[in-house]
Each structure stands twice: as C-alpha cells, then as structure tokens.
Protein backbone atom coordinates (compact mmCIF):
# COMPACT_ATOMS: atom_id res chain seq x y z
CA MET A 1 13.92 16.49 -9.56
CA ARG A 2 10.56 17.67 -10.38
CA LEU A 3 8.11 17.35 -7.47
CA PRO A 4 4.56 16.57 -8.08
CA GLU A 5 1.93 19.17 -7.81
CA GLU A 6 0.61 17.39 -4.69
CA PRO A 7 3.39 16.05 -2.60
CA MET A 8 0.93 13.86 -0.83
CA LYS A 9 0.45 11.87 -4.27
CA LEU A 10 4.31 10.76 -4.28
CA SER A 11 4.25 9.81 -0.86
CA VAL A 12 1.22 7.65 -1.63
CA LEU A 13 2.76 6.02 -4.61
CA PHE A 14 5.77 4.99 -2.39
CA ILE A 15 3.48 3.58 0.40
CA ILE A 16 1.50 1.65 -2.20
CA LEU A 17 4.86 0.10 -3.54
CA CYS A 18 6.19 -0.26 0.05
CA CYS A 19 2.80 -0.82 2.13
CA LEU A 20 0.27 -0.48 -0.36
CA ALA A 21 -1.94 2.14 0.93
CA LEU A 22 -3.72 4.66 -1.01
CA PRO A 23 -4.38 8.43 -1.20
CA ALA A 24 -6.23 9.93 1.45
CA LEU A 25 -8.62 11.25 -1.33
CA SER A 26 -10.86 8.24 -0.42
CA ARG A 27 -10.01 5.90 -3.37
CA ALA A 28 -11.97 2.70 -3.60
CA GLY A 29 -9.89 0.55 -1.02
CA VAL A 30 -8.35 2.11 1.64
CA VAL A 31 -8.00 5.59 3.24
CA LEU A 32 -4.60 7.02 4.27
CA GLU A 33 -4.32 8.00 7.84
CA GLY A 34 -1.62 9.40 10.14
CA ASP A 35 0.81 9.81 7.31
CA ALA A 36 4.01 11.46 8.23
CA CYS A 37 5.79 10.82 4.95
CA ARG A 38 4.88 14.12 3.28
CA GLN A 39 8.02 15.80 4.93
CA VAL A 40 10.21 13.20 3.53
CA PHE A 41 8.88 13.48 0.05
CA ASP A 42 8.86 17.55 0.16
CA ASN A 43 12.51 17.08 0.12
CA PRO A 44 14.00 15.84 -3.00
CA LYS A 45 17.54 15.74 -1.24
CA ALA A 46 16.06 13.00 1.10
CA GLU A 47 17.65 9.80 -0.12
CA GLN A 48 16.71 7.52 2.66
CA ILE A 49 13.09 7.14 3.17
CA ALA A 50 12.00 6.55 6.87
CA CYS A 51 8.48 7.46 7.72
CA GLN A 52 5.24 6.56 9.51
CA THR A 53 1.91 5.94 7.83
CA GLY A 54 -1.39 4.28 8.18
CA PHE A 55 -4.23 3.43 6.63
CA ARG A 56 -7.92 1.74 7.01
CA LEU A 57 -10.27 0.08 4.70
CA ASP A 58 -13.01 2.11 2.91
CA PRO A 59 -16.81 1.22 3.68
CA VAL A 60 -17.27 -0.74 0.52
CA THR A 61 -13.92 -2.77 1.10
CA ARG A 62 -14.78 -3.46 4.79
CA SER A 63 -18.20 -4.96 3.63
CA ARG A 64 -16.62 -7.22 1.21
CA LEU A 65 -13.87 -8.18 3.83
CA GLU A 66 -16.97 -9.16 6.33
CA SER A 67 -18.67 -11.11 3.71
CA ASN A 68 -15.56 -12.88 2.60
CA SER A 69 -14.75 -13.79 6.25
CA PHE A 70 -18.30 -15.11 7.00
CA GLY A 71 -18.66 -12.02 9.39
CA PHE A 72 -15.60 -12.90 11.64
CA VAL A 73 -13.79 -9.60 10.42
CA SER A 74 -15.37 -6.42 9.93
CA ASP A 75 -12.69 -3.80 9.83
CA LEU A 76 -8.84 -3.36 9.53
CA ALA A 77 -6.82 -0.18 10.27
CA CYS A 78 -2.95 -0.56 9.76
CA SER A 79 0.22 1.39 10.38
CA ALA A 80 3.79 0.89 9.03
CA VAL A 81 7.29 2.50 9.29
CA ILE A 82 8.15 2.88 5.60
CA THR A 83 11.93 2.44 4.75
CA ALA A 84 13.83 2.31 1.40
CA LYS A 85 16.24 4.39 -0.71
CA ARG A 86 14.68 7.05 -3.03
CA SER A 87 17.07 6.11 -5.69
CA GLU A 88 16.48 2.45 -5.66
CA VAL A 89 12.79 3.17 -5.94
CA VAL A 90 13.10 5.31 -8.97
CA ALA A 91 15.75 2.99 -10.52
CA ARG A 92 13.11 0.19 -10.34
CA LEU A 93 10.41 2.27 -11.73
CA HIS A 94 12.53 3.31 -14.61
CA ALA A 95 13.32 -0.52 -15.32
CA LYS A 96 9.86 -1.19 -16.34
CA GLY A 97 8.47 -4.60 -16.07
CA ASP A 98 7.76 -5.96 -12.61
CA VAL A 99 8.79 -3.57 -9.96
CA ALA A 100 9.04 -5.69 -6.71
CA LEU A 101 10.00 -4.31 -3.36
CA PRO A 102 11.31 -5.82 -0.21
CA PRO A 103 8.86 -6.70 2.54
CA GLN A 104 7.63 -4.14 4.89
CA GLU A 105 6.18 -4.96 8.38
CA VAL A 106 2.43 -3.74 8.81
CA ARG A 107 0.84 -3.61 12.06
CA CYS A 108 -2.92 -3.57 12.12
CA ASN A 109 -5.92 -3.60 14.41
CA LEU A 110 -8.45 -6.09 12.93
CA VAL A 111 -11.76 -5.84 14.38
CA SER A 112 -13.34 -9.09 14.98
CA GLY A 113 -16.79 -9.39 17.05
CA GLY A 114 -16.43 -5.74 18.03
CA ASP A 115 -13.24 -6.07 19.47
CA PRO A 116 -9.90 -5.12 18.10
CA VAL A 117 -7.34 -7.82 17.57
CA PRO A 118 -3.75 -6.77 17.05
CA VAL A 119 -2.16 -8.43 13.84
CA ARG A 120 0.83 -8.08 11.70
CA PHE A 121 1.97 -9.18 8.25
CA HIS A 122 4.66 -8.51 5.57
CA LEU A 123 3.87 -6.81 2.51
CA ALA A 124 5.93 -7.35 -0.46
CA PRO A 125 4.21 -5.27 -3.33
CA VAL A 126 4.73 -5.66 -7.04
CA VAL A 127 3.70 -3.20 -9.59
CA ARG A 128 3.85 -4.16 -13.26
CA ILE A 129 5.00 -1.36 -15.49
CA ASP A 130 4.56 -1.84 -19.30
CA ALA A 131 7.01 -0.71 -22.13
CA SER A 132 5.22 2.73 -22.24
CA GLY A 133 6.04 3.52 -18.60
CA ARG A 134 2.46 2.83 -17.04
CA ALA A 135 1.34 0.70 -14.51
CA VAL A 136 -0.79 -1.90 -15.95
CA ASP A 137 -1.27 -4.45 -12.81
CA ALA A 138 -0.42 -4.73 -9.14
CA ARG A 139 -0.25 -7.44 -6.42
CA LEU A 140 0.09 -6.60 -2.73
CA GLY A 141 2.22 -9.48 -1.80
CA ILE A 142 0.69 -9.99 1.93
CA ARG A 143 2.35 -12.87 3.89
CA ASP A 144 3.11 -14.02 7.22
CA LEU A 145 -0.19 -12.64 8.69
CA THR A 146 0.08 -13.41 12.49
CA GLY A 147 -2.26 -12.67 15.56
CA ILE A 148 -5.27 -14.72 14.50
CA PRO A 149 -5.73 -18.22 14.03
CA GLU A 150 -5.93 -20.23 10.85
CA PRO A 151 -7.72 -20.53 8.44
CA LEU A 152 -8.84 -16.98 9.09
CA ALA A 153 -5.32 -15.48 8.81
CA THR A 154 -5.03 -17.07 5.18
CA ALA A 155 -8.54 -16.02 4.44
CA VAL A 156 -7.70 -12.24 5.27
CA ALA A 157 -4.30 -12.48 3.55
CA GLU A 158 -5.96 -13.96 0.50
CA PHE A 159 -8.88 -11.40 0.39
CA LEU A 160 -6.50 -8.42 0.48
CA ASN A 161 -4.13 -9.94 -2.07
CA SER A 162 -6.75 -10.61 -4.58
CA ASP A 163 -9.36 -7.75 -3.91
CA PRO A 164 -9.73 -6.21 -7.42
CA GLY A 165 -10.70 -2.67 -5.98
CA LEU A 166 -7.43 -2.55 -4.09
CA ARG A 167 -5.53 -3.72 -7.14
CA ARG A 168 -7.20 -1.20 -9.40
CA SER A 169 -6.54 1.74 -6.96
CA ILE A 170 -2.77 0.81 -6.86
CA VAL A 171 -2.33 0.89 -10.53
CA SER A 172 -4.52 4.10 -10.79
CA ALA A 173 -2.34 5.78 -8.06
CA ALA A 174 0.92 4.61 -9.70
CA ASN A 175 -0.22 6.21 -12.92
CA GLU A 176 -0.92 9.49 -11.25
CA ILE A 177 2.68 9.49 -9.97
CA LEU A 178 4.83 8.02 -12.65
CA PRO A 179 4.68 10.97 -14.84
CA ASN A 180 6.07 13.36 -12.02
CA LEU A 181 9.16 11.10 -11.21
CA PRO A 182 12.43 12.26 -12.42
CA ARG A 183 13.61 11.11 -15.88
CA LYS A 184 16.43 8.81 -16.61
C-alpha cells in the first residue's frame, strides 16, 4: 500500500467519510483538532481503525450557523471515536457510485448564549464517486441530534447537512486522498 505524502490527509479522508471532519490545514468548514488517527494511518497493516479525533467550525461557518439559528447557536466543537475496517473503506471507495458508511456517534459542545451545551448526533456520511474515480458530491447524513430542544436540533442538523461549504470541502478532501489509496 502506498501511503500518501502527508499521512494526515488519509486520516482526514477517513474522518470525512466516517465523521466528516476536514483537514487541519484550515479548509472552509471545519478545522481538525485533537486528532489521534495519524498513528493508525501511518501503519498500512492496521486493518482495524479505532482512533479519537475532533473538529470545530471555522469562523465563516460559525457565522453562517449563528445566522441560520437566529443567534441561538454561535459555535460547535466535536469529537468522536472513529471505528471501521480499512479494507471495507478501501473496497467501498473502489466500487465507485455512492460510498455510504455506517453511523458514527459524535459528541459536541454547542455554544448557545455563551454557554456550552453538550449534544450528540450520528453521522452517516455518503460520498459520491463518479466512473473516473473522483468524488463529485457528499452528504453528511447527520441525524438523531440530542441535547437541545426541537426545533433547534432539527435546524442545526439541517444546517450542517446542507451547508455547501462543508459539502465542497468533503469533496475536495476526498479528491486529494483518492489517488493515494491502494489500487484494486
């Protein structure tokens, strides 16, 4: 298996596919924080992926979230334990079409009124791979958001699921990683 030039990028693709975070290199959308997945991806023999990672929204996305939530939510910082089998992720990527991964639990601190509020949700991401092997679209698949009342929970989930900046970032990161994955 050929490892990418920057092992962090492979870690980021997996996080995007499983938890939908983005690289620490300040992409529009989120910034990776507290990532311990690099060690797992540095080892091409590690079949079982199990690592801790985290992310927070970048300033532009925080501003959009605050606007879309009518000022009730001003920030979101999350963490998750990512689990999967490397061979299954690679097989799904090589199959092209939609790459849908099972839900991963994400725990966050959502800032509302200046105070952190613990929330949880499940992320079931889908990345569309075209016939040429390039990512062309992505959906976050956030659901089951708990810890805040309705309709705010629905509004936050809908914002994250539909934010075009987050979707573009996922597609861009996937396209950086795909050429570095093992061939069939």
